[in-house]
């Protein structure tokens, strides 16, 4: 009996303690709520201190460099070089260019080179017409150039040229009175041996018309 009573007492005691604890907790909770209402009514700021425990964690990163070995393989390829020797035979052809030389031909001396004398006569176309006349004397050089004089009713100089065929052309410049007259002398000169002759030469001018003739000798 005594054992059962002890157990009963113990259990009751435990129940009582538990009940007390529960009551205390309820009272405590109510007390907390009452305090919160009081604080909100009186607006009494409360200072709460929050302690934050910071644990400094040091992280150490160890970088491990693994050396990479790169192997470069250089392949040297030897290309055989073929040397070709070219033998060039240069044939030099001498080209002879013949440039025709234009030589001034030696002038053939005029076959009429020499001297010539003769007479001339003409008619001045005036009212009435007037007859005039005179003589002339000229020389002919190796080129066939003629130079000389004429005299008579009019006198002056005569100059011209005779070609290799004997065609004679000359001009006479005469002064008569107060005017200067220019006359044209044309004819055909011939040679026979050393004898020169001209027949039926024609003498013309602005107001004059006539003829001339003569003979001479060559210088050959």
C-alpha atoms as a PDB file:
ATOM      1  CA  UNK A   1       0.000   0.000   0.000  1.00  0.00           C
ATOM      2  CA  UNK A   2       2.735   2.323   0.921  1.00  0.00           C
ATOM      3  CA  UNK A   3       4.344   1.842  -2.496  1.00  0.00           C
ATOM      4  CA  UNK A   4       1.193   2.631  -4.346  1.00  0.00           C
ATOM      5  CA  UNK A   5       0.653   5.723  -2.260  1.00  0.00           C
ATOM      6  CA  UNK A   6       4.121   6.964  -3.038  1.00  0.00           C
ATOM      7  CA  UNK A   7       3.553   6.517  -6.728  1.00  0.00           C
ATOM      8  CA  UNK A   8       0.260   8.254  -6.510  1.00  0.00           C
ATOM      9  CA  UNK A   9       1.838  11.144  -4.653  1.00  0.00           C
ATOM     10  CA  UNK A  10       4.611  11.396  -7.183  1.00  0.00           C
ATOM     11  CA  UNK A  11       2.197  11.418 -10.112  1.00  0.00           C
ATOM     12  CA  UNK A  12       0.044  14.025  -8.448  1.00  0.00           C
ATOM     13  CA  UNK A  13       3.097  16.080  -7.760  1.00  0.00           C
ATOM     14  CA  UNK A  14       4.108  15.833 -11.414  1.00  0.00           C
ATOM     15  CA  UNK A  15       0.630  16.802 -12.588  1.00  0.00           C
ATOM     16  CA  UNK A  16       0.607  19.710 -10.199  1.00  0.00           C
ATOM     17  CA  UNK A  17       3.998  20.881 -11.468  1.00  0.00           C
ATOM     18  CA  UNK A  18       2.860  20.601 -15.023  1.00  0.00           C
ATOM     19  CA  UNK A  19      -0.272  22.536 -14.227  1.00  0.00           C
ATOM     20  CA  UNK A  20       1.760  25.186 -12.461  1.00  0.00           C
ATOM     21  CA  UNK A  21       4.066  25.485 -15.435  1.00  0.00           C
ATOM     22  CA  UNK A  22       1.101  25.801 -17.786  1.00  0.00           C
ATOM     23  CA  UNK A  23      -0.460  28.462 -15.569  1.00  0.00           C
ATOM     24  CA  UNK A  24       2.811  30.347 -15.401  1.00  0.00           C
ATOM     25  CA  UNK A  25       3.128  30.231 -19.179  1.00  0.00           C
ATOM     26  CA  UNK A  26      -0.417  31.499 -19.672  1.00  0.00           C
ATOM     27  CA  UNK A  27       0.172  34.291 -17.196  1.00  0.00           C
ATOM     28  CA  UNK A  28       3.410  35.142 -18.897  1.00  0.00           C
ATOM     29  CA  UNK A  29       1.722  35.306 -22.305  1.00  0.00           C
ATOM     30  CA  UNK A  30      -0.994  37.553 -20.994  1.00  0.00           C
ATOM     31  CA  UNK A  31       1.572  39.733 -19.327  1.00  0.00           C
ATOM     32  CA  UNK A  32       3.363  40.144 -22.636  1.00  0.00           C
ATOM     33  CA  UNK A  33       0.164  41.134 -24.419  1.00  0.00           C
ATOM     34  CA  UNK A  34      -0.689  43.656 -21.666  1.00  0.00           C
ATOM     35  CA  UNK A  35       2.768  45.193 -21.999  1.00  0.00           C
ATOM     36  CA  UNK A  36       2.384  45.509 -25.777  1.00  0.00           C
ATOM     37  CA  UNK A  37      -0.969  47.305 -25.345  1.00  0.00           C
ATOM     38  CA  UNK A  38       0.534  49.610 -22.750  1.00  0.00           C
ATOM     39  CA  UNK A  39       3.471  50.399 -24.929  1.00  0.00           C
ATOM     40  CA  UNK A  40       1.264  51.236 -27.882  1.00  0.00           C
ATOM     41  CA  UNK A  41      -0.914  53.486 -25.713  1.00  0.00           C
ATOM     42  CA  UNK A  42       1.871  55.336 -23.996  1.00  0.00           C
ATOM     43  CA  UNK A  43       4.024  55.316 -27.100  1.00  0.00           C
ATOM     44  CA  UNK A  44       7.065  54.647 -25.066  1.00  0.00           C
ATOM     45  CA  UNK A  45       9.848  53.755 -27.457  1.00  0.00           C
ATOM     46  CA  UNK A  46      11.728  50.731 -26.442  1.00  0.00           C
ATOM     47  CA  UNK A  47      15.282  50.207 -27.406  1.00  0.00           C
ATOM     48  CA  UNK A  48      16.133  46.737 -28.417  1.00  0.00           C
ATOM     49  CA  UNK A  49      19.611  45.638 -28.973  1.00  0.00           C
ATOM     50  CA  UNK A  50      20.155  42.997 -31.582  1.00  0.00           C
ATOM     51  CA  UNK A  51      23.352  41.203 -31.436  1.00  0.00           C
ATOM     52  CA  UNK A  52      24.453  39.776 -34.758  1.00  0.00           C
ATOM     53  CA  UNK A  53      27.139  37.259 -34.547  1.00  0.00           C
ATOM     54  CA  UNK A  54      29.225  37.336 -37.693  1.00  0.00           C
ATOM     55  CA  UNK A  55      31.421  34.484 -38.367  1.00  0.00           C
ATOM     56  CA  UNK A  56      34.243  35.476 -40.688  1.00  0.00           C
ATOM     57  CA  UNK A  57      34.844  32.718 -43.060  1.00  0.00           C
ATOM     58  CA  UNK A  58      38.119  33.066 -44.864  1.00  0.00           C
ATOM     59  CA  UNK A  59      38.072  31.279 -48.138  1.00  0.00           C
ATOM     60  CA  UNK A  60      41.435  30.695 -49.652  1.00  0.00           C
ATOM     61  CA  UNK A  61      41.445  29.807 -53.322  1.00  0.00           C
ATOM     62  CA  UNK A  62      44.528  28.040 -54.343  1.00  0.00           C
ATOM     63  CA  UNK A  63      45.103  28.360 -58.095  1.00  0.00           C
ATOM     64  CA  UNK A  64      47.090  25.561 -59.391  1.00  0.00           C
ATOM     65  CA  UNK A  65      48.697  26.216 -62.751  1.00  0.00           C
ATOM     66  CA  UNK A  66      49.448  23.139 -64.631  1.00  0.00           C
ATOM     67  CA  UNK A  67      52.250  23.870 -67.125  1.00  0.00           C
ATOM     68  CA  UNK A  68      51.245  22.941 -70.621  1.00  0.00           C
ATOM     69  CA  UNK A  69      54.070  21.873 -72.800  1.00  0.00           C
ATOM     70  CA  UNK A  70      53.458  22.634 -76.479  1.00  0.00           C
ATOM     71  CA  UNK A  71      55.604  20.726 -78.832  1.00  0.00           C
ATOM     72  CA  UNK A  72      56.082  22.439 -82.207  1.00  0.00           C
ATOM     73  CA  UNK A  73      57.365  20.186 -84.863  1.00  0.00           C
ATOM     74  CA  UNK A  74      59.096  22.010 -87.729  1.00  0.00           C
ATOM     75  CA  UNK A  75      59.415  19.901 -90.773  1.00  0.00           C
ATOM     76  CA  UNK A  76      62.083  21.166 -93.131  1.00  0.00           C
ATOM     77  CA  UNK A  77      61.476  19.968 -96.627  1.00  0.00           C
ATOM     78  CA  UNK A  78      64.429  20.254 -98.871  1.00  0.00           C
ATOM     79  CA  UNK A  79      63.371  20.903-102.450  1.00  0.00           C
ATOM     80  CA  UNK A  80      66.111  19.993-104.817  1.00  0.00           C
ATOM     81  CA  UNK A  81      67.046  22.976-106.933  1.00  0.00           C
ATOM     82  CA  UNK A  82      67.682  22.283-110.552  1.00  0.00           C
ATOM     83  CA  UNK A  83      69.987  24.836-112.086  1.00  0.00           C
ATOM     84  CA  UNK A  84      69.488  25.147-115.793  1.00  0.00           C
ATOM     85  CA  UNK A  85      72.240  26.883-117.625  1.00  0.00           C
ATOM     86  CA  UNK A  86      70.967  28.561-120.739  1.00  0.00           C
ATOM     87  CA  UNK A  87      73.558  29.159-123.337  1.00  0.00           C
ATOM     88  CA  UNK A  88      72.398  31.957-125.536  1.00  0.00           C
ATOM     89  CA  UNK A  89      74.114  32.352-128.803  1.00  0.00           C
ATOM     90  CA  UNK A  90      73.761  35.871-130.014  1.00  0.00           C
ATOM     91  CA  UNK A  91      74.155  36.236-133.677  1.00  0.00           C
ATOM     92  CA  UNK A  92      75.006  39.752-134.601  1.00  0.00           C
ATOM     93  CA  UNK A  93      74.021  40.502-138.099  1.00  0.00           C
ATOM     94  CA  UNK A  94      75.703  43.506-139.457  1.00  0.00           C
ATOM     95  CA  UNK A  95      73.184  45.362-141.494  1.00  0.00           C
ATOM     96  CA  UNK A  96      74.670  47.727-143.906  1.00  0.00           C
ATOM     97  CA  UNK A  97      72.274  50.431-144.774  1.00  0.00           C
ATOM     98  CA  UNK A  98      73.145  52.246-147.856  1.00  0.00           C
ATOM     99  CA  UNK A  99      71.905  55.753-147.606  1.00  0.00           C
ATOM    100  CA  UNK A 100      71.739  57.223-150.999  1.00  0.00           C
ATOM    101  CA  UNK A 101      73.857  60.260-151.042  1.00  0.00           C
ATOM    102  CA  UNK A 102      72.321  63.076-152.883  1.00  0.00           C
ATOM    103  CA  UNK A 103      75.197  64.724-154.490  1.00  0.00           C
ATOM    104  CA  UNK A 104      74.629  68.041-156.010  1.00  0.00           C
ATOM    105  CA  UNK A 105      75.355  67.289-159.567  1.00  0.00           C
ATOM    106  CA  UNK A 106      78.076  69.328-161.039  1.00  0.00           C
ATOM    107  CA  UNK A 107      76.347  71.943-163.035  1.00  0.00           C
ATOM    108  CA  UNK A 108      76.972  71.539-166.672  1.00  0.00           C
ATOM    109  CA  UNK A 109      78.410  74.709-168.042  1.00  0.00           C
ATOM    110  CA  UNK A 110      76.023  76.498-170.305  1.00  0.00           C
ATOM    111  CA  UNK A 111      76.821  75.733-173.954  1.00  0.00           C
ATOM    112  CA  UNK A 112      75.931  79.371-174.632  1.00  0.00           C
ATOM    113  CA  UNK A 113      78.607  80.789-172.379  1.00  0.00           C
ATOM    114  CA  UNK A 114      80.229  83.661-174.260  1.00  0.00           C
ATOM    115  CA  UNK A 115      79.287  87.092-175.612  1.00  0.00           C
ATOM    116  CA  UNK A 116      76.596  88.352-177.913  1.00  0.00           C
ATOM    117  CA  UNK A 117      75.989  91.644-179.742  1.00  0.00           C
ATOM    118  CA  UNK A 118      73.164  92.770-181.958  1.00  0.00           C
ATOM    119  CA  UNK A 119      70.520  95.375-182.722  1.00  0.00           C
ATOM    120  CA  UNK A 120      66.990  96.053-181.646  1.00  0.00           C
ATOM    121  CA  UNK A 121      64.094  98.061-183.104  1.00  0.00           C
ATOM    122  CA  UNK A 122      60.592  98.779-181.828  1.00  0.00           C
ATOM    123  CA  UNK A 123      57.525 100.925-182.309  1.00  0.00           C
ATOM    124  CA  UNK A 124      56.075 103.025-179.531  1.00  0.00           C
ATOM    125  CA  UNK A 125      52.299 102.863-179.721  1.00  0.00           C
ATOM    126  CA  UNK A 126      51.700 106.568-179.572  1.00  0.00           C
ATOM    127  CA  UNK A 127      49.708 108.993-181.686  1.00  0.00           C
ATOM    128  CA  UNK A 128      51.307 109.046-184.122  1.00  0.00           C
ATOM    129  CA  UNK A 129      53.444 105.839-183.503  1.00  0.00           C
ATOM    130  CA  UNK A 130      57.156 106.455-182.959  1.00  0.00           C
ATOM    131  CA  UNK A 131      59.865 104.152-184.247  1.00  0.00           C
ATOM    132  CA  UNK A 132      62.913 103.601-182.006  1.00  0.00           C
ATOM    133  CA  UNK A 133      66.040 101.484-182.399  1.00  0.00           C
ATOM    134  CA  UNK A 134      69.475 100.775-181.043  1.00  0.00           C
ATOM    135  CA  UNK A 135      72.100  98.140-180.291  1.00  0.00           C
ATOM    136  CA  UNK A 136      72.838  95.778-177.380  1.00  0.00           C
ATOM    137  CA  UNK A 137      75.789  93.908-176.006  1.00  0.00           C
ATOM    138  CA  UNK A 138      75.562  91.115-173.400  1.00  0.00           C
ATOM    139  CA  UNK A 139      77.665  88.381-171.835  1.00  0.00           C
ATOM    140  CA  UNK A 140      76.515  84.913-170.798  1.00  0.00           C
ATOM    141  CA  UNK A 141      78.307  83.125-167.938  1.00  0.00           C
ATOM    142  CA  UNK A 142      78.688  79.377-167.251  1.00  0.00           C
ATOM    143  CA  UNK A 143      75.329  79.316-165.418  1.00  0.00           C
ATOM    144  CA  UNK A 144      73.547  80.874-168.345  1.00  0.00           C
ATOM    145  CA  UNK A 145      72.999  84.238-166.634  1.00  0.00           C
ATOM    146  CA  UNK A 146      72.793  87.200-169.001  1.00  0.00           C
ATOM    147  CA  UNK A 147      74.034  90.696-168.182  1.00  0.00           C
ATOM    148  CA  UNK A 148      74.599  93.629-170.505  1.00  0.00           C
ATOM    149  CA  UNK A 149      73.409  96.977-171.843  1.00  0.00           C
ATOM    150  CA  UNK A 150      71.448  98.383-174.713  1.00  0.00           C
ATOM    151  CA  UNK A 151      71.781 101.810-176.330  1.00  0.00           C
ATOM    152  CA  UNK A 152      70.016 103.870-178.975  1.00  0.00           C
ATOM    153  CA  UNK A 153      66.884 105.963-178.719  1.00  0.00           C
ATOM    154  CA  UNK A 154      66.588 104.442-175.297  1.00  0.00           C
ATOM    155  CA  UNK A 155      69.439 103.076-173.263  1.00  0.00           C
ATOM    156  CA  UNK A 156      69.588 100.962-170.148  1.00  0.00           C
ATOM    157  CA  UNK A 157      70.529  97.590-168.673  1.00  0.00           C
ATOM    158  CA  UNK A 158      69.396  94.112-169.609  1.00  0.00           C
ATOM    159  CA  UNK A 159      69.589  91.027-167.384  1.00  0.00           C
ATOM    160  CA  UNK A 160      68.160  87.531-167.613  1.00  0.00           C
ATOM    161  CA  UNK A 161      68.908  83.844-168.192  1.00  0.00           C
ATOM    162  CA  UNK A 162      69.224  81.287-171.002  1.00  0.00           C
ATOM    163  CA  UNK A 163      68.586  77.612-170.203  1.00  0.00           C
ATOM    164  CA  UNK A 164      70.365  74.604-171.685  1.00  0.00           C
ATOM    165  CA  UNK A 165      67.856  74.467-174.507  1.00  0.00           C
ATOM    166  CA  UNK A 166      68.618  78.050-175.552  1.00  0.00           C
ATOM    167  CA  UNK A 167      65.392  79.636-174.246  1.00  0.00           C
ATOM    168  CA  UNK A 168      66.307  83.212-173.428  1.00  0.00           C
ATOM    169  CA  UNK A 169      64.353  85.514-171.138  1.00  0.00           C
ATOM    170  CA  UNK A 170      65.554  88.919-169.938  1.00  0.00           C
ATOM    171  CA  UNK A 171      64.257  92.257-168.803  1.00  0.00           C
ATOM    172  CA  UNK A 172      65.466  95.614-170.040  1.00  0.00           C
ATOM    173  CA  UNK A 173      65.189  98.693-167.870  1.00  0.00           C
ATOM    174  CA  UNK A 174      65.363 101.902-169.923  1.00  0.00           C
ATOM    175  CA  UNK A 175      65.195 105.535-168.971  1.00  0.00           C
ATOM    176  CA  UNK A 176      63.881 107.848-171.635  1.00  0.00           C
ATOM    177  CA  UNK A 177      62.725 111.366-170.955  1.00  0.00           C
ATOM    178  CA  UNK A 178      61.013 111.486-167.575  1.00  0.00           C
ATOM    179  CA  UNK A 179      59.788 107.841-167.451  1.00  0.00           C
ATOM    180  CA  UNK A 180      61.367 104.451-166.819  1.00  0.00           C
ATOM    181  CA  UNK A 181      60.327 101.736-169.217  1.00  0.00           C
ATOM    182  CA  UNK A 182      60.640  97.999-168.600  1.00  0.00           C
ATOM    183  CA  UNK A 183      60.743  95.738-171.618  1.00  0.00           C
ATOM    184  CA  UNK A 184      60.683  91.970-171.915  1.00  0.00           C
ATOM    185  CA  UNK A 185      63.267  90.294-174.142  1.00  0.00           C
ATOM    186  CA  UNK A 186      62.480  86.739-175.264  1.00  0.00           C
ATOM    187  CA  UNK A 187      64.093  84.587-177.940  1.00  0.00           C
ATOM    188  CA  UNK A 188      65.767  81.356-178.956  1.00  0.00           C
ATOM    189  CA  UNK A 189      69.555  81.193-178.851  1.00  0.00           C
ATOM    190  CA  UNK A 190      71.454  78.632-180.910  1.00  0.00           C
ATOM    191  CA  UNK A 191      75.076  77.575-181.144  1.00  0.00           C
ATOM    192  CA  UNK A 192      77.018  76.189-184.037  1.00  0.00           C
ATOM    193  CA  UNK A 193      80.602  75.412-183.322  1.00  0.00           C
ATOM    194  CA  UNK A 194      81.668  78.501-181.432  1.00  0.00           C
ATOM    195  CA  UNK A 195      79.120  80.802-183.069  1.00  0.00           C
ATOM    196  CA  UNK A 196      76.123  82.066-181.131  1.00  0.00           C
ATOM    197  CA  UNK A 197      73.123  83.503-182.897  1.00  0.00           C
ATOM    198  CA  UNK A 198      69.666  84.708-182.082  1.00  0.00           C
ATOM    199  CA  UNK A 199      67.035  85.484-184.653  1.00  0.00           C
ATOM    200  CA  UNK A 200      63.584  86.999-184.362  1.00  0.00           C
ATOM    201  CA  UNK A 201      63.835  87.831-180.701  1.00  0.00           C
ATOM    202  CA  UNK A 202      60.708  89.496-179.320  1.00  0.00           C
ATOM    203  CA  UNK A 203      60.796  92.762-177.426  1.00  0.00           C
ATOM    204  CA  UNK A 204      57.606  93.901-175.673  1.00  0.00           C
ATOM    205  CA  UNK A 205      56.583  96.479-173.119  1.00  0.00           C
ATOM    206  CA  UNK A 206      53.597  98.487-171.924  1.00  0.00           C
ATOM    207  CA  UNK A 207      53.708 100.911-174.848  1.00  0.00           C
ATOM    208  CA  UNK A 208      56.345  99.291-177.070  1.00  0.00           C
ATOM    209  CA  UNK A 209      56.632  96.296-179.365  1.00  0.00           C
ATOM    210  CA  UNK A 210      59.578  95.213-181.480  1.00  0.00           C
ATOM    211  CA  UNK A 211      62.307  92.675-182.264  1.00  0.00           C
ATOM    212  CA  UNK A 212      66.021  92.054-181.697  1.00  0.00           C
ATOM    213  CA  UNK A 213      68.712  89.817-183.200  1.00  0.00           C
ATOM    214  CA  UNK A 214      72.426  89.230-182.836  1.00  0.00           C
ATOM    215  CA  UNK A 215      75.404  86.947-183.043  1.00  0.00           C
ATOM    216  CA  UNK A 216      78.413  86.088-180.886  1.00  0.00           C
ATOM    217  CA  UNK A 217      80.985  83.575-179.932  1.00  0.00           C
ATOM    218  CA  UNK A 218      81.173  80.983-177.159  1.00  0.00           C
ATOM    219  CA  UNK A 219      83.878  80.820-174.567  1.00  0.00           C
ATOM    220  CA  UNK A 220      84.556  77.097-175.153  1.00  0.00           C
END
